[in-house]
Amino acid sequence: MVELRARLAELESEQREVVRIVAGNGSGEGVGDARTPEFAKHARELQEVVDELALIGVQIKDPDTGLLDFPAVREGEDVLLCWRIGEDAVEWWHTAGDGFAGRRRIDF
């Protein structure tokens, strides 16, 4: 997901440059058709990843950093297990109200 979003951001930047060039040719033709098949492909792939995660109950909190929450129950209370790219395992939790700032390490 993070890699797809980063590539889409690169393509979007390239897209803006193409639109600037095409629009600057005086005719404006082709401006709406400047999106590449690669952009469309990556956008579809990203949507599939997001849909798949949502289907299993994963909440995407920050798609750029890969911050994810997983609903769970801790001592009878609804909480969210919290993980982001770079962490070796899911070792944090927080309440829905506390969010990322209120993360606490899971006691094993």
Protein backbone atom coordinates (compact mmCIF):
# COMPACT_ATOMS: atom_id res chain seq x y z
CA MET A 1 0.00 0.00 0.00
CA VAL A 2 2.74 2.45 0.96
CA GLU A 3 4.78 1.61 -2.14
CA LEU A 4 1.72 1.98 -4.39
CA ARG A 5 0.85 5.37 -2.87
CA ALA A 6 4.42 6.57 -3.30
CA ARG A 7 4.47 5.49 -6.95
CA LEU A 8 1.09 7.14 -7.55
CA ALA A 9 2.45 10.37 -6.07
CA GLU A 10 5.40 10.19 -8.48
CA LEU A 11 3.07 9.54 -11.40
CA GLU A 12 0.78 12.38 -10.28
CA SER A 13 3.76 14.72 -10.34
CA GLU A 14 4.67 13.51 -13.81
CA GLN A 15 1.00 13.93 -14.78
CA ARG A 16 1.02 17.58 -13.73
CA GLU A 17 4.08 18.19 -15.90
CA VAL A 18 2.42 16.51 -18.91
CA VAL A 19 -0.71 18.60 -18.42
CA ARG A 20 1.40 21.76 -18.17
CA ILE A 21 3.19 20.93 -21.40
CA VAL A 22 0.05 19.90 -23.28
CA ALA A 23 -1.92 22.89 -22.03
CA GLY A 24 0.96 25.13 -23.05
CA ASN A 25 0.78 23.99 -26.66
CA GLY A 26 -2.04 26.43 -27.23
CA SER A 27 -4.67 23.91 -28.20
CA GLY A 28 -5.46 22.30 -24.86
CA GLU A 29 -6.12 19.05 -26.71
CA GLY A 30 -5.26 15.91 -24.84
CA VAL A 31 -5.15 17.48 -21.40
CA GLY A 32 -7.89 15.18 -20.10
CA ASP A 33 -6.29 12.13 -21.71
CA ALA A 34 -2.85 12.58 -20.19
CA ARG A 35 -3.26 9.92 -17.47
CA THR A 36 -1.08 6.93 -18.16
CA PRO A 37 -2.17 3.29 -18.11
CA GLU A 38 0.46 2.79 -15.37
CA PHE A 39 -1.31 5.33 -13.15
CA ALA A 40 -4.66 3.61 -13.67
CA LYS A 41 -3.11 0.20 -12.95
CA HIS A 42 -1.50 1.35 -9.71
CA ALA A 43 -4.68 3.14 -8.63
CA ARG A 44 -6.67 -0.08 -9.15
CA GLU A 45 -4.08 -2.12 -7.25
CA LEU A 46 -4.12 0.35 -4.37
CA GLN A 47 -7.92 0.23 -4.18
CA GLU A 48 -7.78 -3.59 -4.13
CA VAL A 49 -5.31 -3.53 -1.21
CA VAL A 50 -7.44 -1.03 0.72
CA ASP A 51 -10.60 -3.06 0.06
CA GLU A 52 -8.93 -6.30 1.13
CA LEU A 53 -7.71 -4.77 4.40
CA ALA A 54 -11.13 -3.27 5.13
CA LEU A 55 -12.78 -6.63 4.43
CA ILE A 56 -10.83 -8.24 7.26
CA GLY A 57 -11.47 -5.34 9.63
CA VAL A 58 -8.14 -3.53 9.40
CA GLN A 59 -8.40 0.23 9.81
CA ILE A 60 -5.93 2.25 7.75
CA LYS A 61 -4.92 5.24 9.86
CA ASP A 62 -2.08 6.60 7.72
CA PRO A 63 -1.60 5.01 4.31
CA ASP A 64 1.61 6.95 3.67
CA THR A 65 3.42 5.53 6.70
CA GLY A 66 1.58 2.22 6.80
CA LEU A 67 -0.10 2.86 10.16
CA LEU A 68 -2.81 0.25 10.77
CA ASP A 69 -5.21 -0.53 13.62
CA PHE A 70 -6.85 -3.86 14.33
CA PRO A 71 -10.01 -4.00 16.47
CA ALA A 72 -9.61 -6.19 19.56
CA VAL A 73 -10.94 -6.68 23.07
CA ARG A 74 -8.64 -6.19 26.06
CA GLU A 75 -9.94 -6.96 29.53
CA GLY A 76 -13.52 -6.59 28.27
CA GLU A 77 -12.85 -3.20 26.63
CA ASP A 78 -12.89 -2.51 22.89
CA VAL A 79 -9.40 -1.38 21.90
CA LEU A 80 -7.28 -1.14 18.80
CA LEU A 81 -4.06 -3.02 18.28
CA CYS A 82 -1.66 -0.73 16.50
CA TRP A 83 1.13 -1.44 13.98
CA ARG A 84 3.08 0.47 11.40
CA ILE A 85 5.69 -0.39 8.84
CA GLY A 86 9.07 -0.92 10.42
CA GLU A 87 7.75 -2.54 13.58
CA ASP A 88 8.58 -6.25 13.85
CA ALA A 89 5.25 -7.23 15.38
CA VAL A 90 1.98 -5.88 16.71
CA GLU A 91 3.16 -4.81 20.17
CA TRP A 92 1.01 -1.73 20.86
CA TRP A 93 -2.62 -0.96 21.66
CA HIS A 94 -4.73 2.09 22.39
CA THR A 95 -8.35 3.03 22.93
CA ALA A 96 -10.28 4.53 20.04
CA GLY A 97 -10.34 7.87 21.84
CA ASP A 98 -6.62 7.95 22.65
CA GLY A 99 -5.41 7.21 19.16
CA PHE A 100 -1.77 6.80 18.23
CA ALA A 101 -0.64 9.32 20.86
CA GLY A 102 -2.05 7.04 23.56
CA ARG A 103 -0.30 3.86 22.42
CA ARG A 104 0.71 1.49 25.19
CA ARG A 105 2.88 -1.60 24.89
CA ILE A 106 1.00 -4.88 25.08
CA ASP A 107 1.78 -6.81 28.26
CA PHE A 108 2.47 -10.41 27.28
